[in-house]
Amino acid sequence: MEFKQLEAFVAVVEYNSFSEAARRLYLTQPTISAHIRSLETELNSRLIIRTTKKLTVTARGYQLYDCAVQMLNMRNNLVDEFAGTKKKIIDIGVSTIPSSYLLPELLSAFGRQVENIYFHSWQSDSAGAIQRVLDGSVDLSLTGQKAEEETCCFLPFCHDSLVIATPVNDHFLKLKSRGAAFRDFLDESFILRETGSGTRKEMDRFLERHGISSSDLNVVVRMNDLESIKKSIVNGLGISILSARSALDLEKTRQILLFPLEESAHTRTFYIVYSKNRILKPHVKQFIHFVRDYYKDS
């Protein structure tokens, strides 16, 4: 039994994938398979049952996993003691709003409490961030929407509201002074987010409850980039429905006006997403607990 074999086995269990274990360990998939077969032969036990559609860890496999993790941790601690500190890395997927307006303050606050944990982040829309959890390329994701994925956990950690963002001109200043309902904006030119974003999904739900389709709106442009949408609003191209957190910076500098939607500003939720099939490392669990506690009073 060799450490490389145990590392391969632990990686397959944690990532629930031979191919992802190979990628993370910079090995070929046949090499990973050979390490697992060698362990099963030596231990005379079936550790992992793999079919074309599913990977299942046996009871004996989980027993070995617990022992293997302890052995590898002991080995790593010895190496760290004599050769320096080993970095703990968290791979995180982030959708647009969390990436720009939540993650910076989260990482700054977390870094003040916990040392020697490093982050690799990948930004996409919410659908893309959830897909990264499903394919095992990240430890967790922060998203603006849930999905019907039985293998994923969605933990709410932060709330936000949707608002109508408009240019600053006489027309909208008058609406602001007298108060305006959503139907007062239906004839305006709209700038819409892409379909994969959490903001767009929440907007569609809001419209549906009011018996309105996005096709009923006067859409002048659809954009994937949130910053481009905000700049287009400032320059008078049209109005849009945005996350309040994403627009507060421009409202404070009087570059745009914000109008709350009805229904208590239509509260939306952001989620921590991770796979039920992945065994989370202690420092990943620590970060998840931190994120949930950070916004609990907000």
Protein backbone atom coordinates (compact mmCIF):
# COMPACT_ATOMS: atom_id res chain seq x y z
CA MET A 1 0.00 0.00 0.00
CA GLU A 2 1.41 3.36 -1.06
CA PHE A 3 0.48 6.95 -0.28
CA LYS A 4 -0.20 7.59 -3.99
CA GLN A 5 -2.80 4.85 -3.96
CA LEU A 6 -4.47 6.30 -0.89
CA GLU A 7 -4.39 9.80 -2.37
CA ALA A 8 -6.08 8.50 -5.51
CA PHE A 9 -8.75 6.69 -3.50
CA VAL A 10 -9.48 9.70 -1.27
CA ALA A 11 -9.72 11.97 -4.32
CA VAL A 12 -12.21 9.66 -6.06
CA VAL A 13 -14.40 9.56 -2.94
CA GLU A 14 -14.27 13.33 -2.35
CA TYR A 15 -14.89 14.32 -5.97
CA ASN A 16 -17.20 11.39 -6.71
CA SER A 17 -15.44 11.04 -10.04
CA PHE A 18 -12.45 9.16 -11.46
CA SER A 19 -11.88 11.80 -14.13
CA GLU A 20 -12.00 14.71 -11.68
CA ALA A 21 -9.67 12.89 -9.28
CA ALA A 22 -7.25 12.41 -12.16
CA ARG A 23 -7.44 16.09 -13.07
CA ARG A 24 -6.89 17.26 -9.51
CA LEU A 25 -3.92 14.94 -8.96
CA TYR A 26 -2.43 15.59 -12.41
CA LEU A 27 -2.66 11.90 -13.28
CA THR A 28 -4.33 9.98 -16.07
CA GLN A 29 -7.66 8.30 -15.42
CA PRO A 30 -6.20 4.80 -16.10
CA THR A 31 -3.58 5.50 -13.42
CA ILE A 32 -6.30 6.40 -10.91
CA SER A 33 -8.19 3.20 -11.82
CA ALA A 34 -5.02 1.14 -11.40
CA HIS A 35 -4.40 2.58 -7.93
CA ILE A 36 -7.95 1.70 -6.86
CA ARG A 37 -7.66 -1.85 -8.24
CA SER A 38 -4.37 -2.35 -6.40
CA LEU A 39 -5.95 -1.29 -3.12
CA GLU A 40 -8.95 -3.56 -3.64
CA THR A 41 -6.66 -6.50 -4.44
CA GLU A 42 -4.41 -5.91 -1.45
CA LEU A 43 -7.33 -5.44 0.94
CA ASN A 44 -9.45 -8.15 -0.67
CA SER A 45 -12.43 -5.78 -0.55
CA ARG A 46 -14.62 -3.95 -3.04
CA LEU A 47 -14.16 -0.28 -2.29
CA ILE A 48 -15.95 1.49 -5.14
CA ILE A 49 -18.71 0.27 -7.43
CA ARG A 50 -18.67 2.13 -10.74
CA THR A 51 -21.22 1.89 -13.53
CA THR A 52 -21.63 4.03 -16.65
CA LYS A 53 -24.03 6.33 -14.78
CA LYS A 54 -23.12 6.16 -11.11
CA LEU A 55 -20.23 5.81 -8.67
CA THR A 56 -20.96 4.26 -5.25
CA VAL A 57 -18.57 3.93 -2.30
CA THR A 58 -19.08 0.70 -0.35
CA ALA A 59 -19.20 0.44 3.44
CA ARG A 60 -15.65 -0.96 3.41
CA GLY A 61 -14.71 1.92 1.15
CA TYR A 62 -15.91 4.51 3.63
CA GLN A 63 -14.07 2.66 6.38
CA LEU A 64 -10.86 2.88 4.37
CA TYR A 65 -11.56 6.52 3.53
CA ASP A 66 -11.61 7.51 7.22
CA CYS A 67 -8.33 5.70 7.85
CA ALA A 68 -6.74 7.01 4.67
CA VAL A 69 -7.59 10.62 5.49
CA GLN A 70 -5.99 10.25 8.91
CA MET A 71 -2.87 8.65 7.41
CA LEU A 72 -2.53 11.34 4.74
CA ASN A 73 -3.07 14.10 7.31
CA MET A 74 -0.32 12.61 9.49
CA ARG A 75 1.98 12.45 6.47
CA ASN A 76 1.13 16.06 5.50
CA ASN A 77 1.67 17.29 9.04
CA LEU A 78 5.12 15.74 9.09
CA VAL A 79 5.97 17.32 5.75
CA ASP A 80 4.64 20.69 6.92
CA GLU A 81 6.67 20.47 10.13
CA PHE A 82 9.93 19.93 8.28
CA ALA A 83 9.35 21.60 4.91
CA GLY A 84 6.98 24.50 5.55
CA THR A 85 3.26 25.26 5.61
CA LYS A 86 0.93 23.50 3.21
CA LYS A 87 -1.70 25.75 1.63
CA LYS A 88 -5.36 24.97 2.14
CA ILE A 89 -7.31 25.93 -0.97
CA ILE A 90 -11.05 26.39 -1.49
CA ASP A 91 -12.33 26.28 -5.07
CA ILE A 92 -15.48 28.37 -5.30
CA GLY A 93 -17.95 29.13 -8.06
CA VAL A 94 -19.72 32.48 -7.86
CA SER A 95 -22.60 34.00 -9.80
CA THR A 96 -22.52 37.64 -10.85
CA ILE A 97 -23.99 39.47 -7.84
CA PRO A 98 -22.20 37.44 -5.14
CA SER A 99 -18.93 37.70 -7.07
CA SER A 100 -18.93 41.50 -7.26
CA TYR A 101 -20.87 42.56 -4.17
CA LEU A 102 -20.68 39.79 -1.55
CA LEU A 103 -17.50 37.76 -2.05
CA PRO A 104 -14.99 40.64 -1.60
CA GLU A 105 -16.27 41.50 1.88
CA LEU A 106 -16.68 37.83 2.80
CA LEU A 107 -13.08 36.96 1.90
CA SER A 108 -11.74 40.04 3.65
CA ALA A 109 -13.63 39.28 6.87
CA PHE A 110 -12.81 35.56 6.72
CA GLY A 111 -9.13 36.30 6.15
CA ARG A 112 -9.01 38.39 9.32
CA GLN A 113 -10.20 35.39 11.34
CA VAL A 114 -8.54 32.45 9.59
CA GLU A 115 -5.03 32.36 8.16
CA ASN A 116 -3.45 30.24 5.44
CA ILE A 117 -6.61 29.47 3.48
CA TYR A 118 -6.53 30.48 -0.16
CA PHE A 119 -9.34 30.77 -2.70
CA HIS A 120 -9.68 30.04 -6.40
CA SER A 121 -12.91 31.58 -7.72
CA TRP A 122 -14.73 31.23 -11.03
CA GLN A 123 -17.49 33.67 -12.01
CA SER A 124 -20.45 32.77 -14.21
CA ASP A 125 -24.20 33.09 -14.08
CA SER A 126 -26.08 31.10 -11.42
CA ALA A 127 -26.72 28.17 -13.74
CA GLY A 128 -23.02 27.92 -14.54
CA ALA A 129 -22.00 28.13 -10.88
CA ILE A 130 -24.39 25.31 -9.99
CA GLN A 131 -23.05 23.23 -12.87
CA ARG A 132 -19.52 23.58 -11.45
CA VAL A 133 -20.77 21.99 -8.22
CA LEU A 134 -22.40 19.19 -10.19
CA ASP A 135 -19.28 18.39 -12.22
CA GLY A 136 -17.05 18.56 -9.13
CA SER A 137 -14.79 21.37 -10.32
CA VAL A 138 -15.47 23.49 -7.20
CA ASP A 139 -15.98 22.79 -3.50
CA LEU A 140 -19.02 25.07 -3.33
CA SER A 141 -20.76 27.91 -5.14
CA LEU A 142 -22.55 31.11 -4.13
CA THR A 143 -25.57 31.69 -6.37
CA GLY A 144 -28.67 33.81 -6.72
CA GLN A 145 -31.03 30.94 -7.43
CA LYS A 146 -31.86 27.33 -6.58
CA ALA A 147 -32.23 24.46 -9.01
CA GLU A 148 -34.05 21.14 -8.98
CA GLU A 149 -30.92 19.11 -8.31
CA GLU A 150 -31.38 16.27 -5.84
CA THR A 151 -27.62 15.84 -5.37
CA CYS A 152 -27.10 19.45 -4.23
CA CYS A 153 -27.70 21.24 -0.95
CA PHE A 154 -28.89 24.86 -1.18
CA LEU A 155 -28.33 26.79 2.06
CA PRO A 156 -29.78 30.33 2.18
CA PHE A 157 -27.27 32.84 3.56
CA CYS A 158 -28.23 36.33 2.40
CA HIS A 159 -31.32 38.25 1.25
CA ASP A 160 -31.65 41.01 -1.30
CA SER A 161 -34.41 42.83 -3.17
CA LEU A 162 -35.12 43.61 -6.80
CA VAL A 163 -35.46 47.24 -7.85
CA ILE A 164 -36.16 49.18 -11.01
CA ALA A 165 -33.08 51.16 -12.01
CA THR A 166 -33.56 54.21 -14.24
CA PRO A 167 -31.52 57.12 -15.58
CA VAL A 168 -31.57 60.41 -13.66
CA ASN A 169 -33.73 62.78 -15.71
CA ASP A 170 -36.81 64.98 -15.24
CA HIS A 171 -39.22 62.21 -16.25
CA PHE A 172 -38.02 59.72 -13.66
CA LEU A 173 -37.41 62.37 -10.99
CA LYS A 174 -41.10 63.27 -11.23
CA LEU A 175 -42.04 59.59 -10.86
CA LYS A 176 -39.75 59.38 -7.85
CA SER A 177 -41.29 62.42 -6.17
CA ARG A 178 -44.91 61.24 -6.52
CA GLY A 179 -44.25 57.52 -6.08
CA ALA A 180 -44.64 54.99 -8.85
CA ALA A 181 -45.94 51.46 -9.27
CA PHE A 182 -44.43 48.88 -11.60
CA ARG A 183 -47.14 49.38 -14.22
CA ASP A 184 -46.01 53.00 -14.60
CA PHE A 185 -42.85 51.65 -16.24
CA LEU A 186 -44.37 49.19 -18.73
CA ASP A 187 -44.00 51.55 -21.71
CA GLU A 188 -40.33 52.29 -21.00
CA SER A 189 -37.37 50.81 -22.89
CA PHE A 190 -36.04 47.79 -20.97
CA ILE A 191 -32.54 46.31 -20.76
CA LEU A 192 -32.72 42.65 -19.69
CA ARG A 193 -30.22 40.24 -18.14
CA GLU A 194 -29.36 36.87 -19.68
CA THR A 195 -31.66 33.91 -19.02
CA GLY A 196 -29.16 32.00 -16.83
CA SER A 197 -28.87 34.68 -14.18
CA GLY A 198 -30.62 34.50 -10.84
CA THR A 199 -31.77 38.11 -11.22
CA ARG A 200 -33.47 37.32 -14.52
CA LYS A 201 -35.20 34.27 -13.04
CA GLU A 202 -36.52 36.30 -10.10
CA MET A 203 -37.66 39.04 -12.49
CA ASP A 204 -39.59 36.50 -14.58
CA ARG A 205 -41.30 35.21 -11.42
CA PHE A 206 -42.28 38.75 -10.46
CA LEU A 207 -43.70 39.44 -13.92
CA GLU A 208 -45.59 36.15 -13.94
CA ARG A 209 -47.33 37.01 -10.68
CA HIS A 210 -48.50 40.25 -12.30
CA GLY A 211 -49.71 38.51 -15.44
CA ILE A 212 -46.93 40.00 -17.57
CA SER A 213 -44.47 38.23 -19.88
CA SER A 214 -41.00 39.57 -20.65
CA SER A 215 -42.11 39.51 -24.30
CA ASP A 216 -44.70 42.17 -23.40
CA LEU A 217 -41.93 44.58 -22.45
CA ASN A 218 -40.27 46.99 -24.86
CA VAL A 219 -36.87 45.30 -24.76
CA VAL A 220 -34.20 47.34 -26.56
CA VAL A 221 -31.21 45.12 -25.70
CA ARG A 222 -30.27 41.96 -23.80
CA MET A 223 -26.87 41.85 -22.09
CA ASN A 224 -24.82 39.27 -20.20
CA ASP A 225 -22.59 41.75 -18.39
CA LEU A 226 -24.08 43.52 -15.37
CA GLU A 227 -21.66 46.45 -15.48
CA SER A 228 -22.57 47.09 -19.13
CA ILE A 229 -26.25 47.16 -18.16
CA LYS A 230 -25.56 49.69 -15.40
CA LYS A 231 -23.53 51.93 -17.70
CA SER A 232 -26.27 51.73 -20.33
CA ILE A 233 -28.83 52.90 -17.77
CA VAL A 234 -26.60 55.81 -16.73
CA ASN A 235 -26.27 56.82 -20.40
CA GLY A 236 -30.03 56.80 -20.90
CA LEU A 237 -30.43 53.69 -23.08
CA GLY A 238 -33.26 52.32 -20.94
CA ILE A 239 -34.27 50.97 -17.56
CA SER A 240 -33.74 47.57 -15.99
CA ILE A 241 -34.67 45.36 -13.05
CA LEU A 242 -31.57 44.78 -10.94
CA SER A 243 -30.46 43.42 -7.61
CA ALA A 244 -30.50 46.27 -5.10
CA ARG A 245 -27.03 45.36 -3.84
CA SER A 246 -25.60 45.71 -7.34
CA ALA A 247 -27.00 49.21 -7.86
CA LEU A 248 -26.43 50.95 -4.52
CA ASP A 249 -23.03 52.30 -5.60
CA LEU A 250 -24.52 54.24 -8.51
CA GLU A 251 -27.51 55.39 -6.48
CA LYS A 252 -25.22 56.87 -3.82
CA THR A 253 -23.43 58.94 -6.47
CA ARG A 254 -26.77 60.01 -8.00
CA GLN A 255 -26.01 58.38 -11.35
CA ILE A 256 -29.20 56.29 -11.32
CA LEU A 257 -32.54 56.23 -9.54
CA LEU A 258 -33.90 53.15 -7.80
CA PHE A 259 -37.58 52.28 -7.42
CA PRO A 260 -38.54 49.37 -5.13
CA LEU A 261 -40.86 46.76 -6.55
CA GLU A 262 -44.11 45.93 -4.84
CA GLU A 263 -44.44 42.97 -2.48
CA SER A 264 -41.98 44.35 0.10
CA ALA A 265 -39.41 45.06 -2.62
CA HIS A 266 -39.67 41.44 -3.78
CA THR A 267 -37.09 39.80 -1.55
CA ARG A 268 -34.73 37.31 -3.18
CA THR A 269 -32.30 34.86 -1.60
CA PHE A 270 -28.69 33.91 -2.24
CA TYR A 271 -27.54 30.34 -1.62
CA ILE A 272 -24.46 28.34 -0.69
CA VAL A 273 -24.48 25.31 -2.98
CA TYR A 274 -22.51 22.11 -2.45
CA SER A 275 -22.81 18.49 -3.46
CA LYS A 276 -24.32 15.89 -1.13
CA ASN A 277 -22.03 13.34 -2.75
CA ARG A 278 -18.85 15.21 -1.87
CA ILE A 279 -17.15 14.90 1.51
CA LEU A 280 -16.29 18.47 2.47
CA LYS A 281 -12.88 19.17 3.93
CA PRO A 282 -12.83 20.81 7.39
CA HIS A 283 -11.70 24.23 6.10
CA VAL A 284 -14.48 24.20 3.49
CA LYS A 285 -17.04 23.48 6.21
CA GLN A 286 -15.49 26.26 8.27
CA PHE A 287 -16.00 28.75 5.42
CA ILE A 288 -19.61 27.64 4.90
CA HIS A 289 -20.40 28.19 8.58
CA PHE A 290 -18.70 31.59 8.43
CA VAL A 291 -20.74 32.71 5.41
CA ARG A 292 -24.04 31.67 7.02
CA ASP A 293 -23.18 33.50 10.27
CA TYR A 294 -21.89 36.63 8.52
CA TYR A 295 -25.29 37.68 7.18
CA LYS A 296 -27.58 36.14 9.80
CA ASP A 297 -28.62 39.53 11.24
CA SER A 298 -28.91 41.33 7.91
